[in-house]
Amino acid sequence: MNWSSWSEFFAMGGYGIYVWGSYLVTLICVMSEVLLISRRHRTLSKTYGLTHDPYGKENSDKEALINTEIDSSNNENQSVKAASSTEEIKK
């Protein structure tokens, strides 16, 4: 299409509100997504620490935390099994 003025370009033949409104909604959605992702990344970094540093070395503190959580859950499962087997023996 050829427009003779900027006002005709922005009017888009009477459909300007729909066209520019669609661009505006899309821009708001994309910017919101970027903002929400950056906030989520910052929150996860503060809560759990980074999973690895930029040089490719794994964070040993993170591994220790994960291993501790795994060990504690395994110990809880073992104690539950031991308690149930003790109850079976008493019967």
Protein backbone atom coordinates (compact mmCIF):
# COMPACT_ATOMS: atom_id res chain seq x y z
CA MET A 1 0.00 0.00 0.00
CA ASN A 2 1.04 3.55 -0.61
CA TRP A 3 0.27 6.20 1.96
CA SER A 4 0.39 9.88 1.18
CA SER A 5 0.79 10.94 4.82
CA TRP A 6 1.68 9.61 8.25
CA SER A 7 -1.91 9.96 9.42
CA GLU A 8 -3.05 7.62 6.63
CA PHE A 9 -0.31 5.19 7.60
CA PHE A 10 -1.41 5.14 11.23
CA ALA A 11 -5.09 4.93 10.24
CA MET A 12 -4.37 1.84 8.08
CA GLY A 13 -7.47 2.35 5.99
CA GLY A 14 -9.76 2.45 9.03
CA TYR A 15 -8.23 -0.64 10.68
CA GLY A 16 -5.46 1.20 12.52
CA ILE A 17 -6.97 0.63 15.98
CA TYR A 18 -6.97 -3.14 15.44
CA VAL A 19 -3.52 -3.27 13.85
CA TRP A 20 -1.75 -1.00 16.35
CA GLY A 21 -3.74 -2.45 19.24
CA SER A 22 -2.51 -5.92 18.25
CA TYR A 23 1.07 -4.69 18.13
CA LEU A 24 0.65 -3.06 21.54
CA VAL A 25 -0.82 -6.19 23.15
CA THR A 26 1.95 -8.33 21.65
CA LEU A 27 4.64 -5.95 22.86
CA ILE A 28 3.15 -5.91 26.37
CA CYS A 29 3.01 -9.73 26.45
CA VAL A 30 6.60 -10.13 25.26
CA MET A 31 7.94 -7.52 27.69
CA SER A 32 5.95 -9.07 30.56
CA GLU A 33 7.36 -12.50 29.75
CA VAL A 34 10.92 -11.16 29.76
CA LEU A 35 10.31 -9.38 33.06
CA LEU A 36 8.73 -12.45 34.70
CA ILE A 37 11.52 -14.74 33.53
CA SER A 38 14.21 -12.41 34.86
CA ARG A 39 12.42 -12.12 38.22
CA ARG A 40 12.04 -15.90 38.43
CA HIS A 41 15.71 -16.41 37.61
CA ARG A 42 16.72 -13.89 40.27
CA THR A 43 14.46 -15.57 42.85
CA LEU A 44 15.81 -19.03 42.08
CA SER A 45 19.38 -17.75 42.19
CA LYS A 46 18.82 -16.21 45.61
CA THR A 47 17.01 -19.26 46.96
CA TYR A 48 19.13 -22.11 45.62
CA GLY A 49 22.24 -20.46 44.23
CA LEU A 50 23.46 -20.83 40.71
CA THR A 51 23.68 -24.38 39.39
CA HIS A 52 27.08 -23.68 37.86
CA ASP A 53 29.46 -20.81 37.44
CA PRO A 54 30.14 -19.21 34.05
CA TYR A 55 33.39 -21.18 33.68
CA GLY A 56 31.61 -24.53 33.68
CA LYS A 57 32.57 -25.66 37.17
CA GLU A 58 29.73 -27.07 39.22
CA ASN A 59 28.84 -25.41 42.46
CA SER A 60 29.95 -27.77 45.22
CA ASP A 61 27.66 -26.10 47.79
CA LYS A 62 24.66 -26.90 45.63
CA GLU A 63 25.74 -30.51 45.28
CA ALA A 64 26.26 -30.80 49.02
CA LEU A 65 22.79 -29.40 49.65
CA ILE A 66 21.21 -31.83 47.21
CA ASN A 67 23.13 -34.77 48.65
CA THR A 68 22.10 -33.79 52.18
CA GLU A 69 18.44 -33.59 51.13
CA ILE A 70 18.66 -37.00 49.42
CA ASP A 71 20.35 -38.57 52.45
CA SER A 72 17.78 -37.15 54.85
CA SER A 73 14.88 -38.42 52.72
CA ASN A 74 16.51 -41.86 52.50
CA ASN A 75 16.98 -41.93 56.28
CA GLU A 76 13.33 -41.04 56.81
CA ASN A 77 12.24 -43.83 54.47
CA GLN A 78 14.49 -46.32 56.28
CA SER A 79 13.17 -45.29 59.69
CA VAL A 80 9.59 -45.73 58.49
CA LYS A 81 10.44 -49.19 57.16
CA ALA A 82 12.18 -50.09 60.41
CA ALA A 83 9.20 -48.92 62.45
CA SER A 84 6.76 -50.94 60.35
CA SER A 85 8.91 -54.07 60.56
CA THR A 86 9.20 -53.62 64.36
CA GLU A 87 5.41 -53.44 64.60
CA GLU A 88 5.11 -56.61 62.53
CA ILE A 89 7.52 -58.42 64.86
CA LYS A 90 5.55 -57.36 67.95
CA LYS A 91 2.35 -58.85 66.46
